Amino acid sequence: MTRYEVVFIATPALGNLVPLVEFANLLTKHDPRFSATVLTICMPQRPLVNTYVQARASSATNLKLLHLPTVDPPAPDQYQSSVAFLSLHIQNHKHHVKNALLNLIPTKSNSSDSVRLAALFVDMFGTTLIDVAAELAVPCYLFFASPASYLGLTLHLPRVDPAESKSEFAVPSFEKPLPRPVLPNTVLDANDGSSWLSYHAGRYKETKGIVVNTLQELEPHALQSLYNDSELPRVYPIGPVVDLAGSAQWDPNPAQCKRIMEWLDQQPASSVVFLCFGSMGSLKANQVEEIAIGLERAGIRFLWALREPPKAKLEDPRDYANEVNVLPDGFLERMAEMGLVCGWVPQAKVLAHDAVGGFVSHCGWNSILESLWHGVPVATWPLYAEQQMNAFQMVRELGLAVEIRVDYRVGGDLVLAEEVENGVRSLMKGCDEIRRKVKEMSDKCRDASIENGSSYNNLMSLIQELTS
């Protein structure tokens, strides 16, 4: 029997790495002929990524995680944006990726059990590694951890002239024109981020196929726009690929994790609003105060993951040593019966809990997929990257979310207590139609993933392609 080795490499950020590892896991579980190796890149500024990798490496049975040797990060004069930094950092690992692949390419064997290196999967910022795959004659695929709508934007990047006042942009992957302020900073800022996005998008067309973490039933319009693009290789929507165990398996603070789950166990069903802004999301002190005032006025039970802004560029947020210092005087005492303020949370486990009835989210794509899987409606509060476009799609195009903000540039950076209060109340008490649609989409997510579902069939087609 021929066996197939598949190699994966992702940007060293939880939002990119976790879905890629889950996809590798999915592939090997679906077909026992596959084994997977995930090449990991170290970034000392991101301790949570390293914690995740270590935990996954010790628990994985059907896939290997292989640390690439450390390289010096790009010098500050080489980049202006985080997209450029990450793209250059991955590019600087080319030599080590080549060596890793050479070590995995099997030598000729007389045994009946032969192994073939079937593919290298890169992610949205790793397209410079396509050169390595081409040099070694290994088929190269793209794993895209963001929505199909954002993939469509990267392929049709709007030209935004700061001198012009054009307010809307037509992008084929969106049904409605995109308001200018909803576009990501990478597109609007006059720096190297936009040129790197264009570079990567051009190279997506060189891959053998594009695997997108979405499903046909969620993004029919965006996916059709990609199918219609004759320059693109085949697109495989195989989602939702979500880590249902979440960080509960590798939580950096197990005692806090236990406290959170025990607190939720004591709350009535669907009574708690969960506020969480992702692994890289944090808020300034004045914004923390507005949220606290808004929550107190709303009078709804809450679980609030509050994290401190990073001290340096490219670092991740960390838990506060003492959140009392940034909250209004007496807030924790007054809210002791109503809410829990904590640091890092096991998000997937929290969303699965019966007590949680709504999710105030930054609209990272993994968070959206987790909330849809568990049928928990979202109130949108995007912070960075393509999150505003995700919020726009969820609220304005799909009608699957409530709006606190779709666009963080309109109305100033500060979301006021009144907006928080109204958004939370609307989410928990006034969105019956959205709640119904989210429940319907939750069922579609599950149906897509089982035998003869749309994503299941796309995965089968991909496996056929990889083994042909």
Protein backbone atom coordinates (compact mmCIF):
# COMPACT_ATOMS: atom_id res chain seq x y z
CA MET A 1 0.00 0.00 0.00
CA THR A 2 1.25 3.48 -0.88
CA ARG A 3 1.34 5.88 2.06
CA TYR A 4 1.29 9.66 1.72
CA GLU A 5 3.21 12.24 3.74
CA VAL A 6 1.75 15.77 3.74
CA VAL A 7 3.69 18.74 5.13
CA PHE A 8 2.16 21.95 6.52
CA ILE A 9 3.63 25.28 7.54
CA ALA A 10 1.82 28.31 8.98
CA THR A 11 2.43 31.84 10.17
CA PRO A 12 3.41 31.76 13.88
CA ALA A 13 0.09 33.14 15.16
CA LEU A 14 -2.65 31.10 16.85
CA GLY A 15 -5.28 32.29 14.35
CA ASN A 16 -3.25 30.80 11.48
CA LEU A 17 -1.59 27.84 13.16
CA VAL A 18 -4.50 26.25 15.06
CA PRO A 19 -6.86 25.77 12.05
CA LEU A 20 -3.93 24.49 9.94
CA VAL A 21 -3.07 21.85 12.59
CA GLU A 22 -6.77 20.92 12.86
CA PHE A 23 -6.91 20.55 9.06
CA ALA A 24 -3.82 18.29 9.12
CA ASN A 25 -5.53 16.29 11.86
CA LEU A 26 -8.75 16.04 9.82
CA LEU A 27 -6.91 14.79 6.75
CA THR A 28 -5.06 12.04 8.59
CA LYS A 29 -8.20 10.92 10.45
CA HIS A 30 -10.21 10.71 7.22
CA ASP A 31 -7.69 8.54 5.43
CA PRO A 32 -5.25 6.28 7.32
CA ARG A 33 -2.86 6.33 4.35
CA PHE A 34 -1.92 9.92 5.30
CA SER A 35 0.62 11.05 7.83
CA ALA A 36 1.27 14.74 8.48
CA THR A 37 4.21 16.85 9.55
CA VAL A 38 3.63 20.44 10.68
CA LEU A 39 6.73 22.66 10.46
CA THR A 40 6.63 25.33 13.17
CA ILE A 41 8.36 28.70 13.27
CA CYS A 42 9.47 30.10 16.60
CA MET A 43 8.70 33.69 17.64
CA PRO A 44 9.84 34.45 21.20
CA GLN A 45 7.40 37.41 21.33
CA ARG A 46 4.51 34.92 21.14
CA PRO A 47 4.73 32.62 24.16
CA LEU A 48 1.16 31.33 23.70
CA VAL A 49 2.07 29.97 20.26
CA ASN A 50 5.02 28.11 21.77
CA THR A 51 2.83 26.76 24.62
CA TYR A 52 0.30 25.50 22.05
CA VAL A 53 3.00 23.85 19.89
CA GLN A 54 4.59 22.08 22.87
CA ALA A 55 1.22 20.78 24.11
CA ARG A 56 0.15 19.65 20.62
CA ALA A 57 3.50 17.95 19.99
CA SER A 58 3.16 15.88 23.16
CA SER A 59 -0.48 14.89 22.54
CA ALA A 60 -0.57 14.29 18.77
CA THR A 61 -0.64 10.68 17.62
CA ASN A 62 -1.26 10.97 13.90
CA LEU A 63 0.84 14.06 13.15
CA LYS A 64 4.32 15.31 13.97
CA LEU A 65 5.20 18.89 14.89
CA LEU A 66 8.71 19.74 13.85
CA HIS A 67 10.47 22.92 15.07
CA LEU A 68 12.44 24.67 12.35
CA PRO A 69 15.81 26.06 13.49
CA THR A 70 15.63 29.65 14.73
CA VAL A 71 16.56 32.44 12.33
CA ASP A 72 17.16 36.12 13.06
CA PRO A 73 14.00 38.21 12.61
CA PRO A 74 13.93 40.81 9.81
CA ALA A 75 15.66 44.06 10.75
CA PRO A 76 13.31 47.00 11.50
CA ASP A 77 14.47 48.87 8.39
CA GLN A 78 13.27 45.99 6.18
CA TYR A 79 9.54 46.33 6.89
CA GLN A 80 6.84 48.87 7.80
CA SER A 81 3.88 46.55 8.57
CA SER A 82 3.25 43.32 10.46
CA VAL A 83 2.26 41.65 7.15
CA ALA A 84 5.70 42.51 5.73
CA PHE A 85 7.46 41.33 8.90
CA LEU A 86 5.69 37.96 8.90
CA SER A 87 6.17 37.47 5.16
CA LEU A 88 9.91 38.18 5.38
CA HIS A 89 10.28 36.08 8.54
CA ILE A 90 8.72 33.06 6.79
CA GLN A 91 10.80 33.70 3.65
CA ASN A 92 13.96 33.63 5.79
CA HIS A 93 13.14 30.01 6.69
CA LYS A 94 13.35 28.78 3.06
CA HIS A 95 16.63 26.94 3.57
CA HIS A 96 15.34 25.13 6.68
CA VAL A 97 12.05 24.23 4.98
CA LYS A 98 13.99 22.76 2.07
CA ASN A 99 16.13 20.65 4.42
CA ALA A 100 13.04 19.46 6.30
CA LEU A 101 11.37 18.40 3.04
CA LEU A 102 14.54 16.64 1.84
CA ASN A 103 14.58 14.65 5.08
CA LEU A 104 10.95 13.66 4.51
CA ILE A 105 11.33 12.63 0.86
CA PRO A 106 11.63 8.85 1.10
CA THR A 107 14.48 6.98 -0.53
CA LYS A 108 13.63 4.23 -3.00
CA SER A 109 12.51 1.12 -1.15
CA ASN A 110 11.91 -2.43 -2.31
CA SER A 111 9.21 -2.96 0.30
CA SER A 112 5.57 -3.04 -0.74
CA ASP A 113 4.88 -0.17 1.72
CA SER A 114 6.12 2.84 -0.24
CA VAL A 115 5.77 6.44 1.03
CA ARG A 116 5.24 9.47 -1.20
CA LEU A 117 5.58 13.13 -0.24
CA ALA A 118 2.19 14.18 -1.58
CA ALA A 119 2.06 17.93 -0.88
CA LEU A 120 3.31 21.01 0.93
CA PHE A 121 0.54 23.26 2.31
CA VAL A 122 1.49 26.91 2.89
CA ASP A 123 -0.71 29.64 4.35
CA MET A 124 -1.65 33.15 3.21
CA PHE A 125 1.71 34.73 4.16
CA GLY A 126 3.93 31.79 3.19
CA THR A 127 3.83 31.89 -0.62
CA THR A 128 7.61 32.47 -0.95
CA LEU A 129 7.89 28.78 0.05
CA ILE A 130 6.19 27.81 -3.24
CA ASP A 131 9.72 28.17 -4.71
CA VAL A 132 11.04 25.45 -2.40
CA ALA A 133 8.22 23.06 -3.35
CA ALA A 134 8.81 23.75 -7.06
CA GLU A 135 12.55 23.12 -6.72
CA LEU A 136 11.89 19.73 -5.10
CA ALA A 137 8.94 18.88 -7.43
CA VAL A 138 6.51 18.66 -4.48
CA PRO A 139 2.92 19.77 -5.26
CA CYS A 140 2.10 22.96 -3.33
CA TYR A 141 -1.34 23.93 -2.01
CA LEU A 142 -2.67 26.95 -0.14
CA PHE A 143 -4.55 26.59 3.16
CA PHE A 144 -6.54 29.79 3.67
CA ALA A 145 -7.67 30.18 7.31
CA SER A 146 -9.77 33.31 6.65
CA PRO A 147 -13.12 33.50 4.82
CA ALA A 148 -13.63 33.12 1.08
CA SER A 149 -14.82 36.75 1.00
CA TYR A 150 -11.39 37.93 2.22
CA LEU A 151 -9.58 35.65 -0.24
CA GLY A 152 -11.63 37.37 -2.93
CA LEU A 153 -10.54 40.79 -1.66
CA THR A 154 -6.83 39.87 -1.79
CA LEU A 155 -7.29 38.80 -5.43
CA HIS A 156 -9.05 42.09 -6.31
CA LEU A 157 -7.37 44.59 -3.99
CA PRO A 158 -9.06 47.98 -4.34
CA ARG A 159 -6.76 50.83 -5.31
CA VAL A 160 -7.39 53.37 -2.57
CA ASP A 161 -6.08 56.82 -3.36
CA PRO A 162 -5.79 58.94 -0.17
CA ALA A 163 -6.37 62.06 -2.28
CA GLU A 164 -9.71 60.75 -3.59
CA SER A 165 -12.91 60.67 -1.59
CA LYS A 166 -14.32 57.47 -3.13
CA SER A 167 -16.50 55.99 -0.40
CA GLU A 168 -17.39 52.50 -1.72
CA PHE A 169 -15.55 49.75 -3.56
CA ALA A 170 -17.01 46.85 -5.55
CA VAL A 171 -15.28 43.54 -4.77
CA PRO A 172 -16.59 40.41 -6.55
CA SER A 173 -16.61 38.28 -3.37
CA PHE A 174 -19.04 40.65 -1.62
CA GLU A 175 -22.64 41.12 -2.73
CA LYS A 176 -22.71 44.73 -1.53
CA PRO A 177 -20.10 47.45 -2.17
CA LEU A 178 -17.58 47.71 0.67
CA PRO A 179 -17.59 51.07 2.49
CA ARG A 180 -14.10 52.53 2.52
CA PRO A 181 -13.71 52.48 6.35
CA VAL A 182 -14.46 48.71 6.43
CA LEU A 183 -11.34 47.92 4.37
CA PRO A 184 -8.40 46.53 6.38
CA ASN A 185 -5.61 48.87 7.47
CA THR A 186 -3.29 46.86 5.23
CA VAL A 187 -5.25 48.13 2.22
CA LEU A 188 -5.72 51.71 3.44
CA ASP A 189 -2.27 52.43 4.88
CA ALA A 190 0.33 53.64 2.42
CA ASN A 191 2.99 51.14 3.48
CA ASP A 192 4.43 47.79 2.37
CA GLY A 193 1.54 45.71 3.74
CA SER A 194 -0.64 46.21 0.69
CA SER A 195 2.15 45.35 -1.77
CA TRP A 196 2.86 42.14 0.16
CA LEU A 197 -0.85 41.22 0.03
CA SER A 198 -0.78 41.72 -3.74
CA TYR A 199 2.38 39.63 -4.04
CA HIS A 200 0.87 36.74 -2.09
CA ALA A 201 -2.42 36.89 -4.01
CA GLY A 202 -0.53 36.68 -7.30
CA ARG A 203 1.25 33.57 -6.10
CA TYR A 204 -1.93 31.84 -4.89
CA LYS A 205 -2.58 31.23 -8.59
CA GLU A 206 0.61 29.12 -8.83
CA THR A 207 -0.62 26.53 -6.32
CA LYS A 208 -2.26 23.22 -7.25
CA GLY A 209 -5.34 24.02 -5.19
CA ILE A 210 -6.76 26.36 -2.52
CA VAL A 211 -8.31 24.92 0.62
CA VAL A 212 -10.55 27.47 2.39
CA ASN A 213 -11.82 27.16 5.96
CA THR A 214 -15.44 27.89 5.10
CA LEU A 215 -18.48 26.04 3.80
CA GLN A 216 -20.66 26.35 0.73
CA GLU A 217 -23.80 27.05 2.78
CA LEU A 218 -22.21 29.97 4.67
CA GLU A 219 -20.48 31.85 1.82
CA PRO A 220 -22.24 30.86 -1.43
CA HIS A 221 -21.70 34.23 -3.15
CA ALA A 222 -18.02 34.59 -2.21
CA LEU A 223 -17.25 31.01 -3.24
CA GLN A 224 -19.05 31.39 -6.56
CA SER A 225 -16.91 34.45 -7.32
CA LEU A 226 -13.81 32.30 -6.76
CA TYR A 227 -15.16 29.42 -8.90
CA ASN A 228 -15.77 31.94 -11.68
CA ASP A 229 -12.12 33.08 -11.65
CA SER A 230 -10.48 31.14 -14.48
CA GLU A 231 -6.96 32.05 -13.26
CA LEU A 232 -7.43 30.32 -9.92
CA PRO A 233 -6.69 26.66 -9.26
CA ARG A 234 -9.50 24.53 -7.83
CA VAL A 235 -10.99 25.88 -4.57
CA TYR A 236 -11.96 23.40 -1.85
CA PRO A 237 -14.23 24.76 0.93
CA ILE A 238 -13.80 22.12 3.65
CA GLY A 239 -14.85 23.99 6.81
CA PRO A 240 -15.71 24.63 9.45
CA VAL A 241 -12.37 23.32 10.70
CA VAL A 242 -12.51 24.23 14.38
CA ASP A 243 -10.57 23.09 17.42
CA LEU A 244 -13.52 21.99 19.55
CA ALA A 245 -11.30 21.06 22.51
CA GLY A 246 -9.77 24.54 22.32
CA SER A 247 -7.13 25.76 24.73
CA ALA A 248 -8.62 23.75 27.61
CA GLN A 249 -6.01 21.08 26.74
CA TRP A 250 -3.06 23.47 26.95
CA ASP A 251 -4.41 26.36 28.98
CA PRO A 252 -1.61 28.59 30.30
CA ASN A 253 -3.58 29.05 33.53
CA PRO A 254 -5.43 25.79 34.42
CA ALA A 255 -6.61 27.12 37.81
CA GLN A 256 -8.32 30.08 36.12
CA CYS A 257 -9.82 27.73 33.50
CA LYS A 258 -11.32 25.60 36.31
CA ARG A 259 -12.71 28.71 38.06
CA ILE A 260 -14.38 29.91 34.81
CA MET A 261 -16.07 26.59 34.11
CA GLU A 262 -17.26 26.21 37.71
CA TRP A 263 -18.72 29.75 37.60
CA LEU A 264 -20.55 28.99 34.33
CA ASP A 265 -21.96 25.78 35.83
CA GLN A 266 -23.79 27.94 38.40
CA GLN A 267 -25.47 30.25 35.84
CA PRO A 268 -28.92 29.73 34.22
CA ALA A 269 -29.08 28.49 30.61
CA SER A 270 -28.36 31.10 27.89
CA SER A 271 -28.06 33.89 30.51
CA VAL A 272 -24.40 34.88 30.13
CA VAL A 273 -22.88 37.23 27.55
CA PHE A 274 -19.28 36.28 26.80
CA LEU A 275 -16.85 39.10 25.86
CA CYS A 276 -13.57 38.00 24.27
CA PHE A 277 -11.34 39.73 21.71
CA GLY A 278 -9.07 36.93 20.53
CA SER A 279 -5.50 35.83 21.19
CA MET A 280 -4.13 39.16 19.92
CA GLY A 281 -6.95 41.45 21.09
CA SER A 282 -6.55 43.93 23.93
CA LEU A 283 -8.12 47.24 24.94
CA LYS A 284 -6.82 50.50 26.38
CA ALA A 285 -7.77 51.60 29.90
CA ASN A 286 -10.35 54.19 28.74
CA GLN A 287 -12.11 51.52 26.63
CA VAL A 288 -12.10 49.06 29.53
CA GLU A 289 -13.90 51.67 31.64
CA GLU A 290 -16.60 52.21 28.99
CA ILE A 291 -17.25 48.45 28.75
CA ALA A 292 -17.50 48.14 32.53
CA ILE A 293 -20.03 50.99 32.73
CA GLY A 294 -22.03 49.54 29.81
CA LEU A 295 -22.13 46.05 31.34
CA GLU A 296 -23.22 47.41 34.72
CA ARG A 297 -26.04 49.39 33.11
CA ALA A 298 -27.16 46.45 30.96
CA GLY A 299 -27.70 44.30 34.06
CA ILE A 300 -26.93 41.05 32.21
CA ARG A 301 -24.68 38.25 33.46
CA PHE A 302 -21.26 38.37 31.82
CA LEU A 303 -17.95 36.57 31.44
CA TRP A 304 -15.28 39.06 30.30
CA ALA A 305 -11.84 38.01 29.05
CA LEU A 306 -9.79 41.15 29.78
CA ARG A 307 -6.19 41.29 28.59
CA GLU A 308 -3.43 43.89 28.80
CA PRO A 309 -2.12 45.60 25.62
CA PRO A 310 1.34 44.36 24.55
CA LYS A 311 4.36 46.23 25.84
CA ALA A 312 6.26 46.01 22.53
CA LYS A 313 5.58 45.75 18.80
CA LEU A 314 4.81 42.22 17.52
CA GLU A 315 4.21 40.95 21.06
CA ASP A 316 0.93 39.37 22.12
CA PRO A 317 -1.30 40.74 24.89
CA ARG A 318 -0.93 39.19 28.35
CA ASP A 319 -3.20 38.77 31.35
CA TYR A 320 -3.29 41.70 33.78
CA ALA A 321 -1.39 41.12 37.00
CA ASN A 322 -4.38 42.78 38.67
CA GLU A 323 -7.41 43.88 36.63
CA VAL A 324 -8.66 46.03 39.56
CA ASN A 325 -6.22 48.73 38.42
CA VAL A 326 -8.06 49.32 35.11
CA LEU A 327 -11.66 48.79 36.22
CA PRO A 328 -13.89 51.50 37.77
CA ASP A 329 -13.72 51.73 41.58
CA GLY A 330 -15.85 49.08 43.24
CA PHE A 331 -16.90 47.46 39.91
CA LEU A 332 -15.84 43.92 40.87
CA GLU A 333 -17.60 44.15 44.24
CA ARG A 334 -20.83 45.51 42.72
CA MET A 335 -20.81 42.90 39.94
CA ALA A 336 -19.74 39.93 42.10
CA GLU A 337 -23.16 38.24 41.67
CA MET A 338 -23.50 39.12 37.97
CA GLY A 339 -20.19 38.65 36.29
CA LEU A 340 -16.68 37.26 36.16
CA VAL A 341 -13.66 39.19 34.85
CA CYS A 342 -10.66 37.01 33.94
CA GLY A 343 -7.68 36.81 31.59
CA TRP A 344 -7.12 34.10 28.97
CA VAL A 345 -10.17 31.85 28.50
CA PRO A 346 -10.71 28.43 26.88
CA GLN A 347 -12.97 30.03 24.25
CA ALA A 348 -14.26 26.90 22.48
CA LYS A 349 -15.20 25.29 25.80
CA VAL A 350 -16.95 28.47 26.98
CA LEU A 351 -18.99 28.79 23.75
CA ALA A 352 -20.07 25.15 24.13
CA HIS A 353 -21.44 25.80 27.64
CA ASP A 354 -25.23 25.94 28.06
CA ALA A 355 -25.02 29.09 30.18
CA VAL A 356 -23.60 31.19 27.31
CA GLY A 357 -26.27 32.95 25.26
CA GLY A 358 -24.28 35.56 23.32
CA PHE A 359 -20.73 36.41 22.27
CA VAL A 360 -19.25 39.93 21.96
CA SER A 361 -16.43 39.15 19.53
CA HIS A 362 -13.61 40.75 17.56
CA CYS A 363 -14.86 38.70 14.58
CA GLY A 364 -11.72 36.73 13.92
CA TRP A 365 -12.76 33.99 11.50
CA ASN A 366 -11.98 31.12 13.88
CA SER A 367 -14.17 32.77 16.53
CA ILE A 368 -17.03 33.24 14.05
CA LEU A 369 -16.86 29.58 13.01
CA GLU A 370 -16.78 28.42 16.64
CA SER A 371 -19.79 30.61 17.52
CA LEU A 372 -21.76 29.32 14.50
CA TRP A 373 -20.85 25.71 15.30
CA HIS A 374 -22.23 26.12 18.82
CA GLY A 375 -25.20 28.24 17.71
CA VAL A 376 -24.20 31.28 19.79
CA PRO A 377 -25.11 34.65 18.19
CA VAL A 378 -22.37 37.29 17.94
CA ALA A 379 -22.30 41.03 18.58
CA THR A 380 -19.54 42.43 16.34
CA TRP A 381 -16.63 44.47 17.67
CA PRO A 382 -13.77 44.14 15.14
CA LEU A 383 -10.28 45.34 16.09
CA TYR A 384 -7.75 44.66 13.30
CA ALA A 385 -6.86 42.78 10.09
CA GLU A 386 -9.89 41.64 8.04
CA GLN A 387 -12.19 41.56 11.07
CA GLN A 388 -14.22 44.60 9.94
CA MET A 389 -14.97 42.85 6.65
CA ASN A 390 -16.00 39.71 8.56
CA ALA A 391 -18.30 41.87 10.70
CA PHE A 392 -19.70 43.56 7.56
CA GLN A 393 -20.42 40.19 5.96
CA MET A 394 -22.00 38.72 9.13
CA VAL A 395 -24.23 41.76 9.85
CA ARG A 396 -24.99 43.41 6.49
CA GLU A 397 -24.83 40.49 4.04
CA LEU A 398 -25.72 37.33 5.96
CA GLY A 399 -27.85 38.70 8.82
CA LEU A 400 -26.11 36.36 11.26
CA ALA A 401 -24.88 38.90 13.85
CA VAL A 402 -25.86 41.94 15.89
CA GLU A 403 -23.85 45.14 15.47
CA ILE A 404 -22.02 46.94 18.24
CA ARG A 405 -19.62 48.25 15.62
CA VAL A 406 -18.97 47.02 12.11
CA ASP A 407 -16.36 49.68 11.56
CA TYR A 408 -14.01 50.88 14.29
CA ARG A 409 -12.99 54.04 12.39
CA VAL A 410 -16.47 55.62 12.39
CA GLY A 411 -17.34 57.37 15.63
CA GLY A 412 -13.75 57.45 16.87
CA ASP A 413 -11.72 54.65 18.38
CA LEU A 414 -13.70 54.64 21.61
CA VAL A 415 -16.88 52.52 21.80
CA LEU A 416 -19.01 54.31 24.40
CA ALA A 417 -20.77 52.71 27.38
CA GLU A 418 -24.14 53.41 25.77
CA GLU A 419 -23.15 51.40 22.65
CA VAL A 420 -21.97 48.53 24.84
CA GLU A 421 -25.19 48.58 26.88
CA ASN A 422 -27.44 48.70 23.79
CA GLY A 423 -25.42 46.06 21.92
CA VAL A 424 -25.42 43.60 24.82
CA ARG A 425 -29.15 44.08 25.47
CA SER A 426 -29.95 43.66 21.79
CA LEU A 427 -27.80 40.50 21.61
CA MET A 428 -29.28 38.87 24.72
CA LYS A 429 -32.89 40.04 24.59
CA GLY A 430 -33.82 41.38 21.16
CA CYS A 431 -32.42 39.24 18.35
CA ASP A 432 -34.83 36.30 18.02
CA GLU A 433 -34.64 36.24 14.21
CA ILE A 434 -30.82 36.32 14.21
CA ARG A 435 -30.77 33.63 16.92
CA ARG A 436 -33.00 31.45 14.72
CA LYS A 437 -30.75 31.95 11.68
CA VAL A 438 -27.62 31.21 13.71
CA LYS A 439 -29.19 27.95 14.97
CA GLU A 440 -30.04 27.06 11.36
CA MET A 441 -26.44 27.78 10.26
CA SER A 442 -25.15 25.71 13.18
CA ASP A 443 -27.07 22.71 11.81
CA LYS A 444 -25.70 23.40 8.31
CA CYS A 445 -22.13 23.53 9.67
CA ARG A 446 -22.56 20.11 11.24
CA ASP A 447 -24.31 18.64 8.19
CA ALA A 448 -21.55 19.92 5.87
CA SER A 449 -18.94 18.00 7.87
CA ILE A 450 -20.55 14.56 7.90
CA GLU A 451 -20.70 11.94 5.14
CA ASN A 452 -22.15 13.36 1.89
CA GLY A 453 -22.12 16.90 3.29
CA SER A 454 -20.66 19.64 1.06
CA SER A 455 -17.39 20.03 2.99
CA TYR A 456 -17.01 16.27 3.44
CA ASN A 457 -17.33 15.77 -0.34
CA ASN A 458 -14.80 18.54 -1.04
CA LEU A 459 -12.35 16.90 1.37
CA MET A 460 -12.84 13.57 -0.42
CA SER A 461 -12.11 15.29 -3.77
CA LEU A 462 -8.96 16.82 -2.30
CA ILE A 463 -7.79 13.42 -0.98
CA GLN A 464 -8.38 11.95 -4.44
CA GLU A 465 -6.29 14.75 -5.96
CA LEU A 466 -3.46 14.27 -3.43
CA THR A 467 -3.28 10.53 -4.04
CA SER A 468 -3.67 10.56 -7.84
